[in-house]
Amino acid sequence: MTTLTRASLLLLLLAPAAWAQPAPIGGLGGQATGQELAAPGPYGVRVGDLAWLDAARQGRRIDVRIYEPVGLRSGSPLVVFSHGLGGDHTGYAYIGEHLASHGLTAVHLNHPGSDSAVRQQGYLALVRAGMDLQNRLDRPKDVSFVLDEVRRTQRTEPLLDQVDLTRIAVAGHSFGAYTALAVVGQTFVDAGQTYSFRDRRVRCAVAMSSQGPGTIGLTEESWDGVRVPVHTMTGTEDTALGTDDVADRRAAFDSMPPGDKHHLTIEGAEHSAFGDRFDKDRDPRHHGWILAATTGFLRATLLDDRAAAQWLERGQLERDTRGEVVQERR
């Protein structure tokens, strides 16, 4: 039997109004704006930690941090977020908090074996974890396990009782981008065997700093089966362990079958631009652009939000930033 461990709530901000569905956007003549999508939404945010044990995988413990919209009675889409190599479920809080404020429930999960515990062991341990076949197998399985647990506990867990399990997305950064794409149909090859982890419950994906062919078993054909809506993102300085050529970051977008595929390139953004940490060289506008693109795509795809869809179709963020952000569609 799977065991659930409950942690205390971390934060509670009450929203002034209750909505049966996520509130619509589009303040100016029904048109969404990048400023509106990048700004906090109308809901308060409640944050809590849970831990689930996967009995089918020797009791593998998956810690999660849940960002729940407060003031929404039902109909909240679910977004599962996968951290990068050396991260954990406590990271990318700016994304989880933002999505919840716009009416989406974000569940950030931890991936044992490629998490912050490995980072504490030093650089060589991180390199080994990034190359380890077992981590490539475990990560997408962790996502599917989390979806199983959300369904199992939804009736008894207040943090999850308003989730709409017919509207699910997976998002992630770096190794988390690999994870998100694997769940929607990306494959990889190891020792002549092709691995696939497609979970048909997932309707769309957001992949920040994804990998290209020749990395972690990915091939030119790895994205042939990705037929759901996907938004990939990168920056012009987006290099990291295993990916020295920034052009590789757009390989997934270029290789997926066309149809509701979106790509964002941020001028000057490094690999760490998508994470929580700020340093003296970080452009403070980057997070706003990332949030606008992510929120617009998820609202358009999961909520059938026409104003958000039109914002994407117009390439409005590229116009508003005068080309510092480039938006593409296929």
C-alpha atoms as a PDB file:
ATOM      1  CA  MET A   1       0.000   0.000   0.000  1.00  0.00           C
ATOM      2  CA  THR A   2       1.204   3.501  -0.783  1.00  0.00           C
ATOM      3  CA  THR A   3       1.807   5.618   2.303  1.00  0.00           C
ATOM      4  CA  LEU A   4       1.109   9.333   2.543  1.00  0.00           C
ATOM      5  CA  THR A   5       3.018  11.584   4.907  1.00  0.00           C
ATOM      6  CA  ARG A   6       1.547  14.982   5.658  1.00  0.00           C
ATOM      7  CA  ALA A   7       3.586  18.134   6.313  1.00  0.00           C
ATOM      8  CA  SER A   8       2.390  21.478   7.635  1.00  0.00           C
ATOM      9  CA  LEU A   9       1.083  24.243   5.427  1.00  0.00           C
ATOM     10  CA  LEU A  10       3.728  26.851   4.710  1.00  0.00           C
ATOM     11  CA  LEU A  11       1.811  29.875   3.480  1.00  0.00           C
ATOM     12  CA  LEU A  12      -1.772  31.083   3.298  1.00  0.00           C
ATOM     13  CA  LEU A  13      -2.903  34.189   1.477  1.00  0.00           C
ATOM     14  CA  LEU A  14      -6.652  34.599   1.241  1.00  0.00           C
ATOM     15  CA  ALA A  15      -8.269  35.827  -1.948  1.00  0.00           C
ATOM     16  CA  PRO A  16     -11.218  38.217  -1.700  1.00  0.00           C
ATOM     17  CA  ALA A  17     -13.576  36.293  -4.003  1.00  0.00           C
ATOM     18  CA  ALA A  18     -14.490  32.709  -4.833  1.00  0.00           C
ATOM     19  CA  TRP A  19     -14.832  31.465  -8.404  1.00  0.00           C
ATOM     20  CA  ALA A  20     -16.269  28.201  -9.686  1.00  0.00           C
ATOM     21  CA  GLN A  21     -13.804  28.266 -12.612  1.00  0.00           C
ATOM     22  CA  PRO A  22     -10.473  30.071 -13.093  1.00  0.00           C
ATOM     23  CA  ALA A  23     -11.170  33.728 -13.790  1.00  0.00           C
ATOM     24  CA  PRO A  24     -10.945  34.861 -17.422  1.00  0.00           C
ATOM     25  CA  ILE A  25      -8.252  37.240 -18.598  1.00  0.00           C
ATOM     26  CA  GLY A  26      -8.339  39.933 -21.261  1.00  0.00           C
ATOM     27  CA  GLY A  27      -8.647  43.396 -19.805  1.00  0.00           C
ATOM     28  CA  LEU A  28      -8.290  45.527 -22.928  1.00  0.00           C
ATOM     29  CA  GLY A  29     -11.109  44.811 -25.335  1.00  0.00           C
ATOM     30  CA  GLY A  30     -10.948  41.145 -24.390  1.00  0.00           C
ATOM     31  CA  GLN A  31      -7.278  40.919 -25.413  1.00  0.00           C
ATOM     32  CA  ALA A  32      -4.717  39.409 -23.061  1.00  0.00           C
ATOM     33  CA  THR A  33      -1.560  41.402 -22.381  1.00  0.00           C
ATOM     34  CA  GLY A  34       1.905  40.226 -21.432  1.00  0.00           C
ATOM     35  CA  GLN A  35       1.783  42.465 -18.394  1.00  0.00           C
ATOM     36  CA  GLU A  36      -1.446  40.811 -17.275  1.00  0.00           C
ATOM     37  CA  LEU A  37      -0.056  37.305 -17.801  1.00  0.00           C
ATOM     38  CA  ALA A  38       3.196  38.125 -15.964  1.00  0.00           C
ATOM     39  CA  ALA A  39       1.428  39.759 -13.003  1.00  0.00           C
ATOM     40  CA  PRO A  40      -0.007  37.712 -10.116  1.00  0.00           C
ATOM     41  CA  GLY A  41      -3.525  36.485 -10.795  1.00  0.00           C
ATOM     42  CA  PRO A  42      -6.679  37.041  -8.720  1.00  0.00           C
ATOM     43  CA  TYR A  43      -6.271  34.096  -6.334  1.00  0.00           C
ATOM     44  CA  GLY A  44      -4.450  33.688  -3.082  1.00  0.00           C
ATOM     45  CA  VAL A  45      -1.941  30.857  -2.819  1.00  0.00           C
ATOM     46  CA  ARG A  46      -1.702  28.103  -0.229  1.00  0.00           C
ATOM     47  CA  VAL A  47       1.465  25.994  -0.136  1.00  0.00           C
ATOM     48  CA  GLY A  48       1.928  22.600   1.483  1.00  0.00           C
ATOM     49  CA  ASP A  49       4.305  19.637   1.420  1.00  0.00           C
ATOM     50  CA  LEU A  50       3.387  15.962   1.083  1.00  0.00           C
ATOM     51  CA  ALA A  51       5.411  12.779   0.648  1.00  0.00           C
ATOM     52  CA  TRP A  52       4.245   9.675  -1.200  1.00  0.00           C
ATOM     53  CA  LEU A  53       5.872   6.226  -1.165  1.00  0.00           C
ATOM     54  CA  ASP A  54       5.784   4.116  -4.327  1.00  0.00           C
ATOM     55  CA  ALA A  55       5.378   0.518  -3.167  1.00  0.00           C
ATOM     56  CA  ALA A  56       5.857  -0.742  -6.725  1.00  0.00           C
ATOM     57  CA  ARG A  57       9.396   0.696  -6.722  1.00  0.00           C
ATOM     58  CA  GLN A  58      10.720  -0.490  -3.365  1.00  0.00           C
ATOM     59  CA  GLY A  59       9.077   2.323  -1.433  1.00  0.00           C
ATOM     60  CA  ARG A  60      10.669   5.106  -3.491  1.00  0.00           C
ATOM     61  CA  ARG A  61       9.793   8.348  -1.691  1.00  0.00           C
ATOM     62  CA  ILE A  62       8.522  11.228  -3.796  1.00  0.00           C
ATOM     63  CA  ASP A  63       8.294  14.528  -1.931  1.00  0.00           C
ATOM     64  CA  VAL A  64       6.020  17.152  -3.445  1.00  0.00           C
ATOM     65  CA  ARG A  65       5.299  20.805  -2.808  1.00  0.00           C
ATOM     66  CA  ILE A  66       1.791  21.837  -3.803  1.00  0.00           C
ATOM     67  CA  TYR A  67       0.733  25.360  -4.760  1.00  0.00           C
ATOM     68  CA  GLU A  68      -3.051  25.606  -4.523  1.00  0.00           C
ATOM     69  CA  PRO A  69      -5.224  28.539  -5.643  1.00  0.00           C
ATOM     70  CA  VAL A  70      -7.320  29.916  -2.790  1.00  0.00           C
ATOM     71  CA  GLY A  71     -10.765  31.235  -3.686  1.00  0.00           C
ATOM     72  CA  LEU A  72     -11.399  28.754  -6.501  1.00  0.00           C
ATOM     73  CA  ARG A  73     -14.113  26.232  -5.669  1.00  0.00           C
ATOM     74  CA  SER A  74     -13.452  23.703  -8.448  1.00  0.00           C
ATOM     75  CA  GLY A  75     -12.045  23.183 -11.930  1.00  0.00           C
ATOM     76  CA  SER A  76      -8.347  23.861 -11.315  1.00  0.00           C
ATOM     77  CA  PRO A  77      -6.041  22.353 -13.981  1.00  0.00           C
ATOM     78  CA  LEU A  78      -3.044  20.418 -12.693  1.00  0.00           C
ATOM     79  CA  VAL A  79       0.548  21.284 -13.619  1.00  0.00           C
ATOM     80  CA  VAL A  80       3.270  18.870 -12.485  1.00  0.00           C
ATOM     81  CA  PHE A  81       6.698  20.535 -12.408  1.00  0.00           C
ATOM     82  CA  SER A  82       9.988  18.598 -12.692  1.00  0.00           C
ATOM     83  CA  HIS A  83      13.210  20.171 -11.393  1.00  0.00           C
ATOM     84  CA  GLY A  84      16.583  20.190 -13.119  1.00  0.00           C
ATOM     85  CA  LEU A  85      19.672  18.165 -12.209  1.00  0.00           C
ATOM     86  CA  GLY A  86      20.640  18.932  -8.618  1.00  0.00           C
ATOM     87  CA  GLY A  87      17.372  20.669  -7.778  1.00  0.00           C
ATOM     88  CA  ASP A  88      14.386  19.553  -5.743  1.00  0.00           C
ATOM     89  CA  HIS A  89      10.683  20.115  -5.148  1.00  0.00           C
ATOM     90  CA  THR A  90      11.273  23.348  -3.240  1.00  0.00           C
ATOM     91  CA  GLY A  91      12.733  25.095  -6.302  1.00  0.00           C
ATOM     92  CA  TYR A  92      11.087  27.142  -9.042  1.00  0.00           C
ATOM     93  CA  ALA A  93       8.752  28.589  -6.434  1.00  0.00           C
ATOM     94  CA  TYR A  94       8.176  31.706  -8.539  1.00  0.00           C
ATOM     95  CA  ILE A  95       6.508  29.516 -11.162  1.00  0.00           C
ATOM     96  CA  GLY A  96       4.374  27.480  -8.749  1.00  0.00           C
ATOM     97  CA  GLU A  97       3.143  30.547  -6.883  1.00  0.00           C
ATOM     98  CA  HIS A  98       2.361  32.375 -10.111  1.00  0.00           C
ATOM     99  CA  LEU A  99       0.430  29.533 -11.715  1.00  0.00           C
ATOM    100  CA  ALA A 100      -1.623  29.024  -8.562  1.00  0.00           C
ATOM    101  CA  SER A 101      -2.486  32.727  -8.473  1.00  0.00           C
ATOM    102  CA  HIS A 102      -3.931  32.241 -11.969  1.00  0.00           C
ATOM    103  CA  GLY A 103      -6.101  29.309 -10.919  1.00  0.00           C
ATOM    104  CA  LEU A 104      -3.854  26.335 -11.733  1.00  0.00           C
ATOM    105  CA  THR A 105      -2.703  23.841  -9.102  1.00  0.00           C
ATOM    106  CA  ALA A 106       1.063  23.260  -9.338  1.00  0.00           C
ATOM    107  CA  VAL A 107       2.640  20.110  -7.905  1.00  0.00           C
ATOM    108  CA  HIS A 108       6.452  20.303  -7.804  1.00  0.00           C
ATOM    109  CA  LEU A 109       8.011  16.880  -7.281  1.00  0.00           C
ATOM    110  CA  ASN A 110      11.412  15.682  -6.117  1.00  0.00           C
ATOM    111  CA  HIS A 111      13.398  13.104  -8.139  1.00  0.00           C
ATOM    112  CA  PRO A 112      15.657  11.064  -5.810  1.00  0.00           C
ATOM    113  CA  GLY A 113      18.948  10.238  -7.495  1.00  0.00           C
ATOM    114  CA  SER A 114      19.188  13.511  -9.432  1.00  0.00           C
ATOM    115  CA  ASP A 115      18.160  15.977  -6.745  1.00  0.00           C
ATOM    116  CA  SER A 116      19.814  18.429  -4.348  1.00  0.00           C
ATOM    117  CA  ALA A 117      21.167  15.568  -2.224  1.00  0.00           C
ATOM    118  CA  VAL A 118      23.346  14.597  -5.191  1.00  0.00           C
ATOM    119  CA  ARG A 119      24.494  18.185  -5.709  1.00  0.00           C
ATOM    120  CA  GLN A 120      25.807  18.229  -2.152  1.00  0.00           C
ATOM    121  CA  GLN A 121      28.124  15.340  -3.095  1.00  0.00           C
ATOM    122  CA  GLY A 122      29.982  17.526  -5.604  1.00  0.00           C
ATOM    123  CA  TYR A 123      30.324  18.121  -9.325  1.00  0.00           C
ATOM    124  CA  LEU A 124      31.403  14.611 -10.299  1.00  0.00           C
ATOM    125  CA  ALA A 125      28.357  13.145  -8.557  1.00  0.00           C
ATOM    126  CA  LEU A 126      26.158  15.475 -10.602  1.00  0.00           C
ATOM    127  CA  VAL A 127      27.846  14.397 -13.826  1.00  0.00           C
ATOM    128  CA  ARG A 128      27.273  10.737 -12.988  1.00  0.00           C
ATOM    129  CA  ALA A 129      23.648  11.390 -12.068  1.00  0.00           C
ATOM    130  CA  GLY A 130      23.034  13.168 -15.371  1.00  0.00           C
ATOM    131  CA  MET A 131      24.417  10.221 -17.321  1.00  0.00           C
ATOM    132  CA  ASP A 132      22.793   7.505 -15.213  1.00  0.00           C
ATOM    133  CA  LEU A 133      20.273   5.431 -17.169  1.00  0.00           C
ATOM    134  CA  GLN A 134      18.288   4.734 -14.014  1.00  0.00           C
ATOM    135  CA  ASN A 135      17.539   8.434 -13.536  1.00  0.00           C
ATOM    136  CA  ARG A 136      16.253   8.684 -17.104  1.00  0.00           C
ATOM    137  CA  LEU A 137      13.967   5.757 -16.364  1.00  0.00           C
ATOM    138  CA  ASP A 138      12.847   6.942 -12.941  1.00  0.00           C
ATOM    139  CA  ARG A 139      12.009  10.547 -13.706  1.00  0.00           C
ATOM    140  CA  PRO A 140       9.034  10.084 -16.068  1.00  0.00           C
ATOM    141  CA  LYS A 141       7.827   7.211 -13.886  1.00  0.00           C
ATOM    142  CA  ASP A 142       7.879   9.636 -10.935  1.00  0.00           C
ATOM    143  CA  VAL A 143       5.515  11.938 -12.834  1.00  0.00           C
ATOM    144  CA  SER A 144       3.055   9.145 -13.631  1.00  0.00           C
ATOM    145  CA  PHE A 145       3.200   8.008 -10.001  1.00  0.00           C
ATOM    146  CA  VAL A 146       2.371  11.543  -8.834  1.00  0.00           C
ATOM    147  CA  LEU A 147      -0.653  11.605 -11.146  1.00  0.00           C
ATOM    148  CA  ASP A 148      -1.778   8.291  -9.659  1.00  0.00           C
ATOM    149  CA  GLU A 149      -1.403   9.669  -6.132  1.00  0.00           C
ATOM    150  CA  VAL A 150      -3.267  12.885  -6.909  1.00  0.00           C
ATOM    151  CA  ARG A 151      -6.195  10.806  -8.130  1.00  0.00           C
ATOM    152  CA  ARG A 152      -5.986   8.458  -5.132  1.00  0.00           C
ATOM    153  CA  THR A 153      -5.864  11.192  -2.476  1.00  0.00           C
ATOM    154  CA  GLN A 154      -7.971  13.882  -4.118  1.00  0.00           C
ATOM    155  CA  ARG A 155     -11.105  13.209  -2.057  1.00  0.00           C
ATOM    156  CA  THR A 156      -9.266  13.398   1.263  1.00  0.00           C
ATOM    157  CA  GLU A 157      -6.466  15.917   0.638  1.00  0.00           C
ATOM    158  CA  PRO A 158      -7.647  19.560   0.909  1.00  0.00           C
ATOM    159  CA  LEU A 159      -4.716  20.799  -1.192  1.00  0.00           C
ATOM    160  CA  LEU A 160      -5.935  18.724  -4.141  1.00  0.00           C
ATOM    161  CA  ASP A 161      -9.715  18.586  -3.818  1.00  0.00           C
ATOM    162  CA  GLN A 162     -10.374  21.157  -6.549  1.00  0.00           C
ATOM    163  CA  VAL A 163      -8.048  19.662  -9.186  1.00  0.00           C
ATOM    164  CA  ASP A 164      -9.557  18.812 -12.577  1.00  0.00           C
ATOM    165  CA  LEU A 165      -7.784  15.622 -13.666  1.00  0.00           C
ATOM    166  CA  THR A 166      -9.022  15.962 -17.233  1.00  0.00           C
ATOM    167  CA  ARG A 167      -6.731  18.982 -17.676  1.00  0.00           C
ATOM    168  CA  ILE A 168      -3.136  18.043 -16.898  1.00  0.00           C
ATOM    169  CA  ALA A 169       0.186  19.547 -18.007  1.00  0.00           C
ATOM    170  CA  VAL A 170       3.792  18.689 -17.187  1.00  0.00           C
ATOM    171  CA  ALA A 171       6.524  21.322 -17.126  1.00  0.00           C
ATOM    172  CA  GLY A 172      10.202  21.254 -16.282  1.00  0.00           C
ATOM    173  CA  HIS A 173      13.622  22.817 -16.652  1.00  0.00           C
ATOM    174  CA  SER A 174      16.790  21.148 -18.016  1.00  0.00           C
ATOM    175  CA  PHE A 175      16.679  17.520 -16.813  1.00  0.00           C
ATOM    176  CA  GLY A 176      13.096  18.412 -15.946  1.00  0.00           C
ATOM    177  CA  ALA A 177      12.528  19.398 -19.578  1.00  0.00           C
ATOM    178  CA  TYR A 178      13.665  15.904 -20.570  1.00  0.00           C
ATOM    179  CA  THR A 179      11.157  14.561 -18.034  1.00  0.00           C
ATOM    180  CA  ALA A 180       8.259  16.690 -19.275  1.00  0.00           C
ATOM    181  CA  LEU A 181       8.874  15.761 -22.916  1.00  0.00           C
ATOM    182  CA  ALA A 182       9.305  12.071 -22.081  1.00  0.00           C
ATOM    183  CA  VAL A 183       5.835  12.011 -20.564  1.00  0.00           C
ATOM    184  CA  VAL A 184       4.303  13.426 -23.770  1.00  0.00           C
ATOM    185  CA  GLY A 185       6.081  11.088 -26.190  1.00  0.00           C
ATOM    186  CA  GLN A 186       9.806  11.878 -26.444  1.00  0.00           C
ATOM    187  CA  THR A 187      11.873   8.675 -26.656  1.00  0.00           C
ATOM    188  CA  PHE A 188      15.523   7.825 -26.110  1.00  0.00           C
ATOM    189  CA  VAL A 189      17.782   4.905 -27.054  1.00  0.00           C
ATOM    190  CA  ASP A 190      20.226   3.079 -24.799  1.00  0.00           C
ATOM    191  CA  ALA A 191      22.170  -0.075 -25.757  1.00  0.00           C
ATOM    192  CA  GLY A 192      19.956  -0.526 -28.787  1.00  0.00           C
ATOM    193  CA  GLN A 193      16.691  -0.343 -26.824  1.00  0.00           C
ATOM    194  CA  THR A 194      14.165   2.444 -27.333  1.00  0.00           C
ATOM    195  CA  TYR A 195      12.417   3.740 -24.223  1.00  0.00           C
ATOM    196  CA  SER A 196       9.036   5.493 -24.182  1.00  0.00           C
ATOM    197  CA  PHE A 197       7.070   6.818 -21.202  1.00  0.00           C
ATOM    198  CA  ARG A 198       4.044   8.471 -22.801  1.00  0.00           C
ATOM    199  CA  ASP A 199       1.295   9.129 -20.272  1.00  0.00           C
ATOM    200  CA  ARG A 200      -1.915   9.875 -22.134  1.00  0.00           C
ATOM    201  CA  ARG A 201      -3.421  11.705 -19.187  1.00  0.00           C
ATOM    202  CA  VAL A 202      -1.112  14.639 -19.959  1.00  0.00           C
ATOM    203  CA  ARG A 203      -2.540  17.140 -22.448  1.00  0.00           C
ATOM    204  CA  CYS A 204       0.449  19.449 -22.960  1.00  0.00           C
ATOM    205  CA  ALA A 205       3.989  20.244 -21.817  1.00  0.00           C
ATOM    206  CA  VAL A 206       6.314  23.184 -21.159  1.00  0.00           C
ATOM    207  CA  ALA A 207      10.011  22.363 -21.625  1.00  0.00           C
ATOM    208  CA  MET A 208      12.597  24.948 -20.537  1.00  0.00           C
ATOM    209  CA  SER A 209      16.148  24.301 -21.777  1.00  0.00           C
ATOM    210  CA  SER A 210      15.535  20.910 -23.371  1.00  0.00           C
ATOM    211  CA  GLN A 211      18.311  18.726 -24.832  1.00  0.00           C
ATOM    212  CA  GLY A 212      19.169  17.875 -28.440  1.00  0.00           C
ATOM    213  CA  PRO A 213      20.195  14.742 -30.357  1.00  0.00           C
ATOM    214  CA  GLY A 214      23.299  12.960 -29.095  1.00  0.00           C
ATOM    215  CA  THR A 215      22.553  13.855 -25.475  1.00  0.00           C
ATOM    216  CA  ILE A 216      21.273  11.306 -22.923  1.00  0.00           C
ATOM    217  CA  GLY A 217      20.282   8.904 -25.686  1.00  0.00           C
ATOM    218  CA  LEU A 218      18.197  11.320 -27.730  1.00  0.00           C
ATOM    219  CA  THR A 219      18.168  10.821 -31.511  1.00  0.00           C
ATOM    220  CA  GLU A 220      16.836  12.705 -34.519  1.00  0.00           C
ATOM    221  CA  GLU A 221      13.654  10.613 -34.236  1.00  0.00           C
ATOM    222  CA  SER A 222      13.112  11.122 -30.507  1.00  0.00           C
ATOM    223  CA  TRP A 223      10.309  13.665 -30.964  1.00  0.00           C
ATOM    224  CA  ASP A 224       8.371  12.016 -33.795  1.00  0.00           C
ATOM    225  CA  GLY A 225       5.659  10.882 -31.392  1.00  0.00           C
ATOM    226  CA  VAL A 226       5.137  14.208 -29.591  1.00  0.00           C
ATOM    227  CA  ARG A 227       1.712  15.198 -30.929  1.00  0.00           C
ATOM    228  CA  VAL A 228       0.273  17.214 -28.050  1.00  0.00           C
ATOM    229  CA  PRO A 229       0.736  20.992 -27.634  1.00  0.00           C
ATOM    230  CA  VAL A 230       4.229  21.873 -26.388  1.00  0.00           C
ATOM    231  CA  HIS A 231       5.968  25.136 -25.500  1.00  0.00           C
ATOM    232  CA  THR A 232       9.789  25.010 -25.478  1.00  0.00           C
ATOM    233  CA  MET A 233      11.969  27.836 -24.143  1.00  0.00           C
ATOM    234  CA  THR A 234      15.636  28.765 -24.178  1.00  0.00           C
ATOM    235  CA  GLY A 235      18.022  31.714 -24.098  1.00  0.00           C
ATOM    236  CA  THR A 236      20.821  32.838 -26.383  1.00  0.00           C
ATOM    237  CA  GLU A 237      23.374  31.967 -23.643  1.00  0.00           C
ATOM    238  CA  ASP A 238      21.704  28.721 -22.549  1.00  0.00           C
ATOM    239  CA  THR A 239      24.565  26.243 -22.151  1.00  0.00           C
ATOM    240  CA  ALA A 240      25.079  23.731 -19.346  1.00  0.00           C
ATOM    241  CA  LEU A 241      26.411  20.276 -18.512  1.00  0.00           C
ATOM    242  CA  GLY A 242      26.079  18.118 -21.637  1.00  0.00           C
ATOM    243  CA  THR A 243      24.872  20.940 -23.895  1.00  0.00           C
ATOM    244  CA  ASP A 244      27.552  23.325 -25.129  1.00  0.00           C
ATOM    245  CA  ASP A 245      25.728  24.408 -28.297  1.00  0.00           C
ATOM    246  CA  VAL A 246      22.723  26.675 -27.639  1.00  0.00           C
ATOM    247  CA  ALA A 247      21.219  25.509 -30.949  1.00  0.00           C
ATOM    248  CA  ASP A 248      20.557  22.122 -29.337  1.00  0.00           C
ATOM    249  CA  ARG A 249      18.025  23.758 -27.027  1.00  0.00           C
ATOM    250  CA  ARG A 250      15.623  24.275 -29.931  1.00  0.00           C
ATOM    251  CA  ALA A 251      16.093  20.830 -31.481  1.00  0.00           C
ATOM    252  CA  ALA A 252      12.950  19.426 -29.864  1.00  0.00           C
ATOM    253  CA  PHE A 253      10.837  22.282 -31.222  1.00  0.00           C
ATOM    254  CA  ASP A 254      12.273  21.908 -34.724  1.00  0.00           C
ATOM    255  CA  SER A 255      11.861  18.119 -34.713  1.00  0.00           C
ATOM    256  CA  MET A 256       8.365  17.654 -33.275  1.00  0.00           C
ATOM    257  CA  PRO A 257       5.432  17.212 -35.679  1.00  0.00           C
ATOM    258  CA  PRO A 258       3.901  20.645 -36.351  1.00  0.00           C
ATOM    259  CA  GLY A 259       0.649  21.656 -34.753  1.00  0.00           C
ATOM    260  CA  ASP A 260       0.348  23.833 -31.640  1.00  0.00           C
ATOM    261  CA  LYS A 261       4.096  23.880 -31.007  1.00  0.00           C
ATOM    262  CA  HIS A 262       5.564  27.098 -29.584  1.00  0.00           C
ATOM    263  CA  HIS A 263       9.129  28.233 -28.926  1.00  0.00           C
ATOM    264  CA  LEU A 264      10.563  31.172 -26.992  1.00  0.00           C
ATOM    265  CA  THR A 265      14.129  32.496 -27.212  1.00  0.00           C
ATOM    266  CA  ILE A 266      15.205  35.140 -24.695  1.00  0.00           C
ATOM    267  CA  GLU A 267      18.100  37.387 -25.665  1.00  0.00           C
ATOM    268  CA  GLY A 268      20.960  37.109 -23.164  1.00  0.00           C
ATOM    269  CA  ALA A 269      19.294  34.466 -20.976  1.00  0.00           C
ATOM    270  CA  GLU A 270      21.598  31.833 -19.509  1.00  0.00           C
ATOM    271  CA  HIS A 271      20.669  28.332 -18.363  1.00  0.00           C
ATOM    272  CA  SER A 272      20.076  29.529 -14.817  1.00  0.00           C
ATOM    273  CA  ALA A 273      17.670  32.241 -15.951  1.00  0.00           C
ATOM    274  CA  PHE A 274      14.789  29.794 -15.554  1.00  0.00           C
ATOM    275  CA  GLY A 275      15.656  28.974 -11.929  1.00  0.00           C
ATOM    276  CA  ASP A 276      15.022  30.823  -8.683  1.00  0.00           C
ATOM    277  CA  ARG A 277      18.494  32.199  -8.034  1.00  0.00           C
ATOM    278  CA  PHE A 278      19.249  35.806  -8.891  1.00  0.00           C
ATOM    279  CA  ASP A 279      22.752  37.142  -9.300  1.00  0.00           C
ATOM    280  CA  LYS A 280      24.118  40.546 -10.166  1.00  0.00           C
ATOM    281  CA  ASP A 281      24.159  39.782 -13.879  1.00  0.00           C
ATOM    282  CA  ARG A 282      20.597  38.454 -14.106  1.00  0.00           C
ATOM    283  CA  ASP A 283      18.178  40.555 -16.131  1.00  0.00           C
ATOM    284  CA  PRO A 284      15.194  40.975 -13.793  1.00  0.00           C
ATOM    285  CA  ARG A 285      12.819  41.014 -16.766  1.00  0.00           C
ATOM    286  CA  HIS A 286      13.519  37.390 -17.686  1.00  0.00           C
ATOM    287  CA  HIS A 287      11.243  35.869 -15.066  1.00  0.00           C
ATOM    288  CA  GLY A 288       8.367  38.073 -16.160  1.00  0.00           C
ATOM    289  CA  TRP A 289       8.749  36.957 -19.766  1.00  0.00           C
ATOM    290  CA  ILE A 290       9.002  33.292 -18.735  1.00  0.00           C
ATOM    291  CA  LEU A 291       5.874  33.609 -16.595  1.00  0.00           C
ATOM    292  CA  ALA A 292       3.909  35.395 -19.306  1.00  0.00           C
ATOM    293  CA  ALA A 293       4.727  32.760 -21.938  1.00  0.00           C
ATOM    294  CA  THR A 294       4.111  29.826 -19.584  1.00  0.00           C
ATOM    295  CA  THR A 295       0.840  31.196 -18.225  1.00  0.00           C
ATOM    296  CA  GLY A 296      -0.447  32.202 -21.645  1.00  0.00           C
ATOM    297  CA  PHE A 297       0.282  28.779 -23.123  1.00  0.00           C
ATOM    298  CA  LEU A 298      -1.216  26.829 -20.220  1.00  0.00           C
ATOM    299  CA  ARG A 299      -4.326  28.978 -20.057  1.00  0.00           C
ATOM    300  CA  ALA A 300      -4.837  28.662 -23.798  1.00  0.00           C
ATOM    301  CA  THR A 301      -4.313  24.895 -23.768  1.00  0.00           C
ATOM    302  CA  LEU A 302      -5.862  23.775 -20.489  1.00  0.00           C
ATOM    303  CA  LEU A 303      -8.582  26.385 -20.056  1.00  0.00           C
ATOM    304  CA  ASP A 304      -9.443  27.031 -23.713  1.00  0.00           C
ATOM    305  CA  ASP A 305      -8.785  30.696 -22.931  1.00  0.00           C
ATOM    306  CA  ARG A 306      -9.272  32.431 -26.269  1.00  0.00           C
ATOM    307  CA  ALA A 307      -7.670  35.701 -25.150  1.00  0.00           C
ATOM    308  CA  ALA A 308      -4.500  33.847 -24.114  1.00  0.00           C
ATOM    309  CA  ALA A 309      -4.500  31.846 -27.365  1.00  0.00           C
ATOM    310  CA  GLN A 310      -4.754  35.018 -29.433  1.00  0.00           C
ATOM    311  CA  TRP A 311      -1.916  36.572 -27.445  1.00  0.00           C
ATOM    312  CA  LEU A 312       0.281  33.607 -28.384  1.00  0.00           C
ATOM    313  CA  GLU A 313      -0.824  33.663 -32.024  1.00  0.00           C
ATOM    314  CA  ARG A 314      -0.016  37.369 -32.371  1.00  0.00           C
ATOM    315  CA  GLY A 315       3.501  36.875 -31.004  1.00  0.00           C
ATOM    316  CA  GLN A 316       2.675  39.772 -28.740  1.00  0.00           C
ATOM    317  CA  LEU A 317       5.536  39.219 -26.306  1.00  0.00           C
ATOM    318  CA  GLU A 318       8.043  39.605 -29.136  1.00  0.00           C
ATOM    319  CA  ARG A 319       6.399  42.874 -30.152  1.00  0.00           C
ATOM    320  CA  ASP A 320       6.238  44.193 -26.611  1.00  0.00           C
ATOM    321  CA  THR A 321       9.930  43.426 -25.974  1.00  0.00           C
ATOM    322  CA  ARG A 322      10.993  44.787 -29.387  1.00  0.00           C
ATOM    323  CA  GLY A 323      12.609  41.518 -30.310  1.00  0.00           C
ATOM    324  CA  GLU A 324      14.427  40.778 -27.051  1.00  0.00           C
ATOM    325  CA  VAL A 325      12.134  37.758 -26.928  1.00  0.00           C
ATOM    326  CA  VAL A 326      11.529  35.823 -30.141  1.00  0.00           C
ATOM    327  CA  GLN A 327       8.329  33.778 -30.406  1.00  0.00           C
ATOM    328  CA  GLU A 328       7.899  31.007 -32.991  1.00  0.00           C
ATOM    329  CA  ARG A 329       5.013  28.676 -33.863  1.00  0.00           C
ATOM    330  CA  ARG A 330       4.708  25.501 -35.932  1.00  0.00           C
END
